[in-house]
Amino acid sequence: MAEASIVQAQAELEKTKLQKLEKYMALLKKILLTMMMLQAAP
């Protein structure tokens, strides 16, 4: 039974990592879009 909880804990960790990565990617996308807008402005 202990093995199952270890696997579950690892799955939770992966899910948390993925959520953090998604937030980071969204932030990067916003920054890139802002930079492109600034460069496009005359």
PDB file of N, CA and C in Angstrom:
ATOM      1  N   MET A   1       0.831  -1.204   0.000  1.00  0.00           N
ATOM      2  CA  MET A   1       0.000   0.000   0.000  1.00  0.00           C
ATOM      3  C   MET A   1       0.867   1.255   0.000  1.00  0.00           C
ATOM      4  N   ALA A   2       2.024   1.155   0.611  1.00  0.00           N
ATOM      5  CA  ALA A   2       2.924   2.309   0.685  1.00  0.00           C
ATOM      6  C   ALA A   2       3.387   2.737  -0.703  1.00  0.00           C
ATOM      7  N   GLU A   3       3.619   1.761  -1.570  1.00  0.00           N
ATOM      8  CA  GLU A   3       4.081   2.061  -2.929  1.00  0.00           C
ATOM      9  C   GLU A   3       3.062   2.903  -3.689  1.00  0.00           C
ATOM     10  N   ALA A   4       1.791   2.596  -3.496  1.00  0.00           N
ATOM     11  CA  ALA A   4       0.728   3.328  -4.188  1.00  0.00           C
ATOM     12  C   ALA A   4       0.711   4.794  -3.764  1.00  0.00           C
ATOM     13  N   SER A   5       0.929   5.045  -2.472  1.00  0.00           N
ATOM     14  CA  SER A   5       0.911   6.428  -1.998  1.00  0.00           C
ATOM     15  C   SER A   5       2.124   7.203  -2.504  1.00  0.00           C
ATOM     16  N   ILE A   6       3.244   6.505  -2.683  1.00  0.00           N
ATOM     17  CA  ILE A   6       4.448   7.144  -3.233  1.00  0.00           C
ATOM     18  C   ILE A   6       4.178   7.568  -4.674  1.00  0.00           C
ATOM     19  N   VAL A   7       3.570   6.673  -5.440  1.00  0.00           N
ATOM     20  CA  VAL A   7       3.230   6.973  -6.835  1.00  0.00           C
ATOM     21  C   VAL A   7       2.261   8.153  -6.892  1.00  0.00           C
ATOM     22  N   GLN A   8       1.298   8.163  -5.971  1.00  0.00           N
ATOM     23  CA  GLN A   8       0.315   9.247  -5.931  1.00  0.00           C
ATOM     24  C   GLN A   8       0.998  10.572  -5.595  1.00  0.00           C
ATOM     25  N   ALA A   9       1.930  10.537  -4.653  1.00  0.00           N
ATOM     26  CA  ALA A   9       2.662  11.741  -4.264  1.00  0.00           C
ATOM     27  C   ALA A   9       3.480  12.272  -5.436  1.00  0.00           C
ATOM     28  N   GLN A  10       4.098  11.362  -6.186  1.00  0.00           N
ATOM     29  CA  GLN A  10       4.881  11.767  -7.356  1.00  0.00           C
ATOM     30  C   GLN A  10       3.978  12.390  -8.418  1.00  0.00           C
ATOM     31  N   ALA A  11       2.795  11.829  -8.593  1.00  0.00           N
ATOM     32  CA  ALA A  11       1.837  12.356  -9.566  1.00  0.00           C
ATOM     33  C   ALA A  11       1.397  13.765  -9.176  1.00  0.00           C
ATOM     34  N   GLU A  12       1.156  13.977  -7.876  1.00  0.00           N
ATOM     35  CA  GLU A  12       0.771  15.302  -7.387  1.00  0.00           C
ATOM     36  C   GLU A  12       1.884  16.311  -7.646  1.00  0.00           C
ATOM     37  N   LEU A  13       3.119  15.892  -7.426  1.00  0.00           N
ATOM     38  CA  LEU A  13       4.283  16.749  -7.635  1.00  0.00           C
ATOM     39  C   LEU A  13       4.393  17.146  -9.101  1.00  0.00           C
ATOM     40  N   GLU A  14       4.210  16.176  -9.985  1.00  0.00           N
ATOM     41  CA  GLU A  14       4.273  16.443 -11.426  1.00  0.00           C
ATOM     42  C   GLU A  14       3.186  17.435 -11.839  1.00  0.00           C
ATOM     43  N   LYS A  15       1.986  17.269 -11.257  1.00  0.00           N
ATOM     44  CA  LYS A  15       0.870  18.158 -11.570  1.00  0.00           C
ATOM     45  C   LYS A  15       1.195  19.586 -11.130  1.00  0.00           C
ATOM     46  N   THR A  16       1.785  19.723  -9.946  1.00  0.00           N
ATOM     47  CA  THR A  16       2.171  21.037  -9.430  1.00  0.00           C
ATOM     48  C   THR A  16       3.226  21.672 -10.319  1.00  0.00           C
ATOM     49  N   LYS A  17       4.219  20.866 -10.732  1.00  0.00           N
ATOM     50  CA  LYS A  17       5.281  21.355 -11.621  1.00  0.00           C
ATOM     51  C   LYS A  17       4.691  21.859 -12.925  1.00  0.00           C
ATOM     52  N   LEU A  18       3.727  21.110 -13.461  1.00  0.00           N
ATOM     53  CA  LEU A  18       3.096  21.458 -14.729  1.00  0.00           C
ATOM     54  C   LEU A  18       2.327  22.768 -14.607  1.00  0.00           C
ATOM     55  N   GLN A  19       1.611  22.941 -13.480  1.00  0.00           N
ATOM     56  CA  GLN A  19       0.858  24.172 -13.261  1.00  0.00           C
ATOM     57  C   GLN A  19       1.793  25.370 -13.171  1.00  0.00           C
ATOM     58  N   LYS A  20       2.932  25.202 -12.478  1.00  0.00           N
ATOM     59  CA  LYS A  20       3.911  26.283 -12.366  1.00  0.00           C
ATOM     60  C   LYS A  20       4.481  26.624 -13.731  1.00  0.00           C
ATOM     61  N   LEU A  21       4.760  25.594 -14.520  1.00  0.00           N
ATOM     62  CA  LEU A  21       5.315  25.783 -15.860  1.00  0.00           C
ATOM     63  C   LEU A  21       4.320  26.537 -16.749  1.00  0.00           C
ATOM     64  N   GLU A  22       3.038  26.168 -16.641  1.00  0.00           N
ATOM     65  CA  GLU A  22       2.008  26.829 -17.438  1.00  0.00           C
ATOM     66  C   GLU A  22       1.895  28.309 -17.081  1.00  0.00           C
ATOM     67  N   LYS A  23       1.976  28.622 -15.772  1.00  0.00           N
ATOM     68  CA  LYS A  23       1.924  30.019 -15.336  1.00  0.00           C
ATOM     69  C   LYS A  23       3.118  30.783 -15.878  1.00  0.00           C
ATOM     70  N   TYR A  24       4.280  30.152 -15.826  1.00  0.00           N
ATOM     71  CA  TYR A  24       5.514  30.765 -16.296  1.00  0.00           C
ATOM     72  C   TYR A  24       5.454  31.035 -17.796  1.00  0.00           C
ATOM     73  N   MET A  25       4.930  30.067 -18.537  1.00  0.00           N
ATOM     74  CA  MET A  25       4.806  30.211 -19.986  1.00  0.00           C
ATOM     75  C   MET A  25       3.833  31.342 -20.336  1.00  0.00           C
ATOM     76  N   ALA A  26       2.735  31.439 -19.603  1.00  0.00           N
ATOM     77  CA  ALA A  26       1.756  32.500 -19.837  1.00  0.00           C
ATOM     78  C   ALA A  26       2.387  33.867 -19.585  1.00  0.00           C
ATOM     79  N   LEU A  27       3.191  33.955 -18.537  1.00  0.00           N
ATOM     80  CA  LEU A  27       3.883  35.201 -18.207  1.00  0.00           C
ATOM     81  C   LEU A  27       4.872  35.568 -19.302  1.00  0.00           C
ATOM     82  N   LEU A  28       5.630  34.583 -19.763  1.00  0.00           N
ATOM     83  CA  LEU A  28       6.595  34.814 -20.843  1.00  0.00           C
ATOM     84  C   LEU A  28       5.897  35.308 -22.106  1.00  0.00           C
ATOM     85  N   LYS A  29       4.752  34.701 -22.402  1.00  0.00           N
ATOM     86  CA  LYS A  29       3.993  35.079 -23.594  1.00  0.00           C
ATOM     87  C   LYS A  29       3.553  36.541 -23.503  1.00  0.00           C
ATOM     88  N   LYS A  30       3.083  36.953 -22.310  1.00  0.00           N
ATOM     89  CA  LYS A  30       2.667  38.340 -22.097  1.00  0.00           C
ATOM     90  C   LYS A  30       3.836  39.287 -22.315  1.00  0.00           C
ATOM     91  N   ILE A  31       4.994  38.929 -21.761  1.00  0.00           N
ATOM     92  CA  ILE A  31       6.192  39.766 -21.892  1.00  0.00           C
ATOM     93  C   ILE A  31       6.595  39.899 -23.358  1.00  0.00           C
ATOM     94  N   LEU A  32       6.604  38.778 -24.065  1.00  0.00           N
ATOM     95  CA  LEU A  32       6.961  38.797 -25.489  1.00  0.00           C
ATOM     96  C   LEU A  32       5.992  39.647 -26.298  1.00  0.00           C
ATOM     97  N   LEU A  33       4.704  39.504 -26.032  1.00  0.00           N
ATOM     98  CA  LEU A  33       3.698  40.292 -26.747  1.00  0.00           C
ATOM     99  C   LEU A  33       3.889  41.778 -26.480  1.00  0.00           C
ATOM    100  N   THR A  34       4.161  42.124 -25.227  1.00  0.00           N
ATOM    101  CA  THR A  34       4.385  43.525 -24.859  1.00  0.00           C
ATOM    102  C   THR A  34       5.594  44.088 -25.589  1.00  0.00           C
ATOM    103  N   MET A  35       6.666  43.319 -25.646  1.00  0.00           N
ATOM    104  CA  MET A  35       7.884  43.753 -26.330  1.00  0.00           C
ATOM    105  C   MET A  35       7.621  43.970 -27.819  1.00  0.00           C
ATOM    106  N   MET A  36       6.851  43.074 -28.418  1.00  0.00           N
ATOM    107  CA  MET A  36       6.531  43.187 -29.841  1.00  0.00           C
ATOM    108  C   MET A  36       5.682  44.425 -30.105  1.00  0.00           C
ATOM    109  N   MET A  37       4.742  44.704 -29.215  1.00  0.00           N
ATOM    110  CA  MET A  37       3.891  45.882 -29.348  1.00  0.00           C
ATOM    111  C   MET A  37       4.737  47.149 -29.277  1.00  0.00           C
ATOM    112  N   LEU A  38       5.675  47.174 -28.327  1.00  0.00           N
ATOM    113  CA  LEU A  38       6.532  48.346 -28.156  1.00  0.00           C
ATOM    114  C   LEU A  38       7.410  48.572 -29.380  1.00  0.00           C
ATOM    115  N   GLN A  39       7.900  47.484 -29.962  1.00  0.00           N
ATOM    116  CA  GLN A  39       8.754  47.596 -31.146  1.00  0.00           C
ATOM    117  C   GLN A  39       7.944  48.041 -32.364  1.00  0.00           C
ATOM    118  N   ALA A  40       6.703  47.606 -32.438  1.00  0.00           N
ATOM    119  CA  ALA A  40       5.848  47.944 -33.572  1.00  0.00           C
ATOM    120  C   ALA A  40       5.403  49.405 -33.518  1.00  0.00           C
ATOM    121  N   ALA A  41       5.341  49.962 -32.309  1.00  0.00           N
ATOM    122  CA  ALA A  41       4.928  51.360 -32.158  1.00  0.00           C
ATOM    123  C   ALA A  41       5.941  52.296 -32.822  1.00  0.00           C
ATOM    124  N   PRO A  42       5.451  53.307 -33.519  1.00  0.00           N
ATOM    125  CA  PRO A  42       6.356  54.241 -34.214  1.00  0.00           C
ATOM    126  C   PRO A  42       7.110  55.149 -33.238  1.00  0.00           C
TER     127      PRO A  42
END
